Amino acid sequence: MNLTDKIRNIPDFPKKGILFRDITTLLKDSGAFLAAVDAMYKPFSSEKIDLVVAAESRGFIFGAPIAIKAGCGFVPVRKPGKLPSAVESAEYALEYGTDRVEIHKDAIQRGQRVLVVDDLLATGGTISATVNLVEKLGGKIVGISFLIELAELNGREKLKPHRVHSVIVY
């Protein structure tokens, strides 16, 4: 199945000059959704994975089923103020200013092997902050998996030296 054909392109969204890659058309097709999850997990299927960590919000869509396939737990990384217990946080740069993500302090035990998942790799800010949180808590990154990578934005550079897999690269 060609997953690229299942993604709708929306020009000038959210602002003029941006070509938005809409995954909702892929998600509503159960076969395409399953194929995407399988393709994101397959390169890491022979690895021992203790946890899948995914960033809010579209990362959750892929992270949870990948955790089920891997037979491990799932840990959400959220925007500030969304988690009810003690958190660690990491800040990352935006085009104008900064943003922050948080994880529960007790979400990862030292030495646990973690697969980080998100739907899209653009500039790498959110996922780099997520990786920093995992490592701060003592987790070992097995790899980082995306459905889509926008290669021209060089987000992969922020994720070195980790193993990065993208199913679709634009």
C-alpha atoms as a PDB file:
ATOM      1  CA  MET A   1       0.000   0.000   0.000  1.00  0.00           C
ATOM      2  CA  ASN A   2       1.312   3.441  -0.905  1.00  0.00           C
ATOM      3  CA  LEU A   3       0.728   5.480   2.265  1.00  0.00           C
ATOM      4  CA  THR A   4       1.685   8.730   0.532  1.00  0.00           C
ATOM      5  CA  ASP A   5      -1.481   8.414  -1.543  1.00  0.00           C
ATOM      6  CA  LYS A   6      -3.525   8.338   1.685  1.00  0.00           C
ATOM      7  CA  ILE A   7      -2.271  11.736   2.878  1.00  0.00           C
ATOM      8  CA  ARG A   8      -4.169  14.825   1.765  1.00  0.00           C
ATOM      9  CA  ASN A   9      -2.172  17.938   0.868  1.00  0.00           C
ATOM     10  CA  ILE A  10      -3.766  21.237   1.899  1.00  0.00           C
ATOM     11  CA  PRO A  11      -2.072  24.338   0.480  1.00  0.00           C
ATOM     12  CA  ASP A  12      -1.820  27.563   2.494  1.00  0.00           C
ATOM     13  CA  PHE A  13      -2.733  25.985   5.844  1.00  0.00           C
ATOM     14  CA  PRO A  14      -2.363  27.115   8.575  1.00  0.00           C
ATOM     15  CA  LYS A  15      -0.971  30.122   6.731  1.00  0.00           C
ATOM     16  CA  LYS A  16      -0.085  31.154   3.190  1.00  0.00           C
ATOM     17  CA  GLY A  17       2.938  29.344   1.785  1.00  0.00           C
ATOM     18  CA  ILE A  18       2.585  26.232   3.976  1.00  0.00           C
ATOM     19  CA  LEU A  19       1.649  22.882   2.426  1.00  0.00           C
ATOM     20  CA  PHE A  20      -0.070  20.973   5.239  1.00  0.00           C
ATOM     21  CA  ARG A  21       0.191  17.164   5.202  1.00  0.00           C
ATOM     22  CA  ASP A  22      -3.199  16.045   6.539  1.00  0.00           C
ATOM     23  CA  ILE A  23      -3.070  12.546   8.048  1.00  0.00           C
ATOM     24  CA  THR A  24      -6.797  12.375   8.870  1.00  0.00           C
ATOM     25  CA  THR A  25      -7.445  10.825   5.462  1.00  0.00           C
ATOM     26  CA  LEU A  26      -4.950   8.051   6.286  1.00  0.00           C
ATOM     27  CA  LEU A  27      -6.374   7.524   9.777  1.00  0.00           C
ATOM     28  CA  LYS A  28      -9.940   6.976   8.575  1.00  0.00           C
ATOM     29  CA  ASP A  29      -8.761   4.087   6.380  1.00  0.00           C
ATOM     30  CA  SER A  30      -8.238   1.180   8.801  1.00  0.00           C
ATOM     31  CA  GLY A  31      -5.923  -0.659   6.426  1.00  0.00           C
ATOM     32  CA  ALA A  32      -3.751   2.396   5.853  1.00  0.00           C
ATOM     33  CA  PHE A  33      -3.702   3.194   9.578  1.00  0.00           C
ATOM     34  CA  LEU A  34      -2.586  -0.353  10.415  1.00  0.00           C
ATOM     35  CA  ALA A  35       0.021  -0.266   7.632  1.00  0.00           C
ATOM     36  CA  ALA A  36       1.382   3.042   8.988  1.00  0.00           C
ATOM     37  CA  VAL A  37       1.655   1.668  12.536  1.00  0.00           C
ATOM     38  CA  ASP A  38       3.354  -1.485  11.229  1.00  0.00           C
ATOM     39  CA  ALA A  39       5.793   0.538   9.094  1.00  0.00           C
ATOM     40  CA  MET A  40       6.694   2.794  12.020  1.00  0.00           C
ATOM     41  CA  TYR A  41       7.310  -0.156  14.347  1.00  0.00           C
ATOM     42  CA  LYS A  42       8.968  -2.663  11.997  1.00  0.00           C
ATOM     43  CA  PRO A  43      12.543  -1.231  12.047  1.00  0.00           C
ATOM     44  CA  PHE A  44      12.548  -1.542  15.847  1.00  0.00           C
ATOM     45  CA  SER A  45      10.598  -4.807  16.208  1.00  0.00           C
ATOM     46  CA  SER A  46      13.709  -6.857  17.010  1.00  0.00           C
ATOM     47  CA  GLU A  47      14.750  -4.433  19.773  1.00  0.00           C
ATOM     48  CA  LYS A  48      13.882  -4.823  23.437  1.00  0.00           C
ATOM     49  CA  ILE A  49      11.519  -1.908  24.114  1.00  0.00           C
ATOM     50  CA  ASP A  50      10.263  -1.159  27.635  1.00  0.00           C
ATOM     51  CA  LEU A  51       8.251   1.970  26.820  1.00  0.00           C
ATOM     52  CA  VAL A  52       6.935   3.968  23.900  1.00  0.00           C
ATOM     53  CA  VAL A  53       7.002   7.713  24.541  1.00  0.00           C
ATOM     54  CA  ALA A  54       4.979  10.014  22.310  1.00  0.00           C
ATOM     55  CA  ALA A  55       4.452  13.759  22.144  1.00  0.00           C
ATOM     56  CA  GLU A  56       1.057  15.448  22.302  1.00  0.00           C
ATOM     57  CA  SER A  57      -1.154  15.148  20.440  1.00  0.00           C
ATOM     58  CA  ARG A  58      -0.854  13.360  17.122  1.00  0.00           C
ATOM     59  CA  GLY A  59       2.046  11.316  18.433  1.00  0.00           C
ATOM     60  CA  PHE A  60      -0.447   9.630  20.770  1.00  0.00           C
ATOM     61  CA  ILE A  61      -2.385   8.337  17.752  1.00  0.00           C
ATOM     62  CA  PHE A  62       0.614   6.260  16.657  1.00  0.00           C
ATOM     63  CA  GLY A  63       2.410   5.768  19.965  1.00  0.00           C
ATOM     64  CA  ALA A  64      -0.359   3.853  21.724  1.00  0.00           C
ATOM     65  CA  PRO A  65      -0.875   1.166  19.041  1.00  0.00           C
ATOM     66  CA  ILE A  66       2.896   0.806  18.624  1.00  0.00           C
ATOM     67  CA  ALA A  67       3.196   0.215  22.392  1.00  0.00           C
ATOM     68  CA  ILE A  68       0.545  -2.494  22.118  1.00  0.00           C
ATOM     69  CA  LYS A  69       2.425  -4.133  19.208  1.00  0.00           C
ATOM     70  CA  ALA A  70       5.673  -3.933  21.190  1.00  0.00           C
ATOM     71  CA  GLY A  71       4.030  -5.384  24.300  1.00  0.00           C
ATOM     72  CA  CYS A  72       5.139  -2.480  26.452  1.00  0.00           C
ATOM     73  CA  GLY A  73       3.835   0.575  28.257  1.00  0.00           C
ATOM     74  CA  PHE A  74       2.999   3.967  26.801  1.00  0.00           C
ATOM     75  CA  VAL A  75       4.087   7.328  28.238  1.00  0.00           C
ATOM     76  CA  PRO A  76       2.572  10.632  27.081  1.00  0.00           C
ATOM     77  CA  VAL A  77       4.575  13.849  26.813  1.00  0.00           C
ATOM     78  CA  ARG A  78       2.207  16.784  27.215  1.00  0.00           C
ATOM     79  CA  LYS A  79       1.971  20.547  27.011  1.00  0.00           C
ATOM     80  CA  PRO A  80       2.431  22.350  30.359  1.00  0.00           C
ATOM     81  CA  GLY A  81      -0.248  21.949  33.010  1.00  0.00           C
ATOM     82  CA  LYS A  82      -1.846  18.791  31.562  1.00  0.00           C
ATOM     83  CA  LEU A  83      -0.212  16.145  33.768  1.00  0.00           C
ATOM     84  CA  PRO A  84      -1.552  15.724  37.325  1.00  0.00           C
ATOM     85  CA  SER A  85       1.604  14.622  39.192  1.00  0.00           C
ATOM     86  CA  ALA A  86       5.167  15.947  39.572  1.00  0.00           C
ATOM     87  CA  VAL A  87       6.794  16.646  36.199  1.00  0.00           C
ATOM     88  CA  GLU A  88      10.089  17.275  34.468  1.00  0.00           C
ATOM     89  CA  SER A  89       9.938  19.815  31.676  1.00  0.00           C
ATOM     90  CA  ALA A  90      11.999  20.827  28.664  1.00  0.00           C
ATOM     91  CA  GLU A  91      11.849  24.015  26.653  1.00  0.00           C
ATOM     92  CA  TYR A  92      12.341  24.225  22.903  1.00  0.00           C
ATOM     93  CA  ALA A  93      12.574  27.016  20.358  1.00  0.00           C
ATOM     94  CA  LEU A  94       9.755  28.062  18.069  1.00  0.00           C
ATOM     95  CA  GLU A  95       9.971  30.396  15.093  1.00  0.00           C
ATOM     96  CA  TYR A  96       9.179  33.264  17.480  1.00  0.00           C
ATOM     97  CA  GLY A  97       9.724  32.380  21.138  1.00  0.00           C
ATOM     98  CA  THR A  98       9.711  29.080  22.993  1.00  0.00           C
ATOM     99  CA  ASP A  99       7.388  26.316  24.108  1.00  0.00           C
ATOM    100  CA  ARG A 100       7.625  23.573  26.694  1.00  0.00           C
ATOM    101  CA  VAL A 101       6.732  19.897  27.098  1.00  0.00           C
ATOM    102  CA  GLU A 102       6.375  17.858  30.280  1.00  0.00           C
ATOM    103  CA  ILE A 103       6.582  14.248  31.433  1.00  0.00           C
ATOM    104  CA  HIS A 104       5.779  12.684  34.809  1.00  0.00           C
ATOM    105  CA  LYS A 105       8.955  12.366  36.900  1.00  0.00           C
ATOM    106  CA  ASP A 106       8.150   8.725  37.634  1.00  0.00           C
ATOM    107  CA  ALA A 107       7.278   7.775  34.032  1.00  0.00           C
ATOM    108  CA  ILE A 108      10.638   6.205  33.182  1.00  0.00           C
ATOM    109  CA  GLN A 109      12.987   4.170  35.333  1.00  0.00           C
ATOM    110  CA  ARG A 110      16.749   4.483  34.851  1.00  0.00           C
ATOM    111  CA  GLY A 111      17.928   2.124  32.097  1.00  0.00           C
ATOM    112  CA  GLN A 112      14.541   1.510  30.502  1.00  0.00           C
ATOM    113  CA  ARG A 113      14.700   1.208  26.720  1.00  0.00           C
ATOM    114  CA  VAL A 114      12.468   3.745  24.985  1.00  0.00           C
ATOM    115  CA  LEU A 115      11.105   4.133  21.472  1.00  0.00           C
ATOM    116  CA  VAL A 116      10.052   7.738  20.818  1.00  0.00           C
ATOM    117  CA  VAL A 117       7.179   8.197  18.342  1.00  0.00           C
ATOM    118  CA  ASP A 118       5.535  11.156  16.620  1.00  0.00           C
ATOM    119  CA  ASP A 119       3.505  11.681  13.472  1.00  0.00           C
ATOM    120  CA  LEU A 120       5.747  14.301  11.858  1.00  0.00           C
ATOM    121  CA  LEU A 121       9.361  15.434  11.954  1.00  0.00           C
ATOM    122  CA  ALA A 122       9.652  19.062  10.875  1.00  0.00           C
ATOM    123  CA  THR A 123      12.216  21.268  12.645  1.00  0.00           C
ATOM    124  CA  GLY A 124      12.733  18.701  15.421  1.00  0.00           C
ATOM    125  CA  GLY A 125      12.060  21.025  18.353  1.00  0.00           C
ATOM    126  CA  THR A 126       9.290  19.096  20.093  1.00  0.00           C
ATOM    127  CA  ILE A 127      10.820  15.684  19.606  1.00  0.00           C
ATOM    128  CA  SER A 128      14.292  16.877  20.613  1.00  0.00           C
ATOM    129  CA  ALA A 129      12.797  18.194  23.866  1.00  0.00           C
ATOM    130  CA  THR A 130      11.009  14.846  24.298  1.00  0.00           C
ATOM    131  CA  VAL A 131      14.289  12.952  23.826  1.00  0.00           C
ATOM    132  CA  ASN A 132      15.947  15.256  26.376  1.00  0.00           C
ATOM    133  CA  LEU A 133      13.210  14.443  28.908  1.00  0.00           C
ATOM    134  CA  VAL A 134      13.588  10.684  28.368  1.00  0.00           C
ATOM    135  CA  GLU A 135      17.351  10.932  28.848  1.00  0.00           C
ATOM    136  CA  LYS A 136      17.007  13.227  31.880  1.00  0.00           C
ATOM    137  CA  LEU A 137      14.920  10.512  33.554  1.00  0.00           C
ATOM    138  CA  GLY A 138      17.559   7.891  32.705  1.00  0.00           C
ATOM    139  CA  GLY A 139      15.865   6.252  29.722  1.00  0.00           C
ATOM    140  CA  LYS A 140      17.904   4.823  26.853  1.00  0.00           C
ATOM    141  CA  ILE A 141      16.664   5.792  23.400  1.00  0.00           C
ATOM    142  CA  VAL A 142      16.257   2.716  21.174  1.00  0.00           C
ATOM    143  CA  GLY A 143      15.148   4.881  18.266  1.00  0.00           C
ATOM    144  CA  ILE A 144      12.789   7.581  17.057  1.00  0.00           C
ATOM    145  CA  SER A 145      10.029   6.796  14.565  1.00  0.00           C
ATOM    146  CA  PHE A 146       7.879   9.123  12.463  1.00  0.00           C
ATOM    147  CA  LEU A 147       5.174   8.626   9.877  1.00  0.00           C
ATOM    148  CA  ILE A 148       6.289  11.735   7.947  1.00  0.00           C
ATOM    149  CA  GLU A 149       9.535  13.690   7.703  1.00  0.00           C
ATOM    150  CA  LEU A 150       9.843  17.087   6.039  1.00  0.00           C
ATOM    151  CA  ALA A 151      13.504  16.670   5.069  1.00  0.00           C
ATOM    152  CA  GLU A 152      14.045  20.262   3.906  1.00  0.00           C
ATOM    153  CA  LEU A 153      13.560  21.486   7.497  1.00  0.00           C
ATOM    154  CA  ASN A 154      16.558  19.440   8.753  1.00  0.00           C
ATOM    155  CA  GLY A 155      14.882  18.253  11.967  1.00  0.00           C
ATOM    156  CA  ARG A 156      16.896  15.029  11.840  1.00  0.00           C
ATOM    157  CA  GLU A 157      20.033  17.045  12.657  1.00  0.00           C
ATOM    158  CA  LYS A 158      18.678  17.858  16.141  1.00  0.00           C
ATOM    159  CA  LEU A 159      18.206  14.156  16.856  1.00  0.00           C
ATOM    160  CA  LYS A 160      21.782  12.994  16.284  1.00  0.00           C
ATOM    161  CA  PRO A 161      23.234  10.548  17.257  1.00  0.00           C
ATOM    162  CA  HIS A 162      19.953   8.640  17.654  1.00  0.00           C
ATOM    163  CA  ARG A 163      18.571   6.189  15.128  1.00  0.00           C
ATOM    164  CA  VAL A 164      15.729   7.918  13.234  1.00  0.00           C
ATOM    165  CA  HIS A 165      13.192   6.210  10.974  1.00  0.00           C
ATOM    166  CA  SER A 166      10.629   7.972   8.814  1.00  0.00           C
ATOM    167  CA  VAL A 167       8.063   6.055   6.764  1.00  0.00           C
ATOM    168  CA  ILE A 168       7.399   8.905   4.304  1.00  0.00           C
ATOM    169  CA  VAL A 169       9.951  11.597   3.461  1.00  0.00           C
ATOM    170  CA  TYR A 170       8.974  14.763   1.603  1.00  0.00           C
END
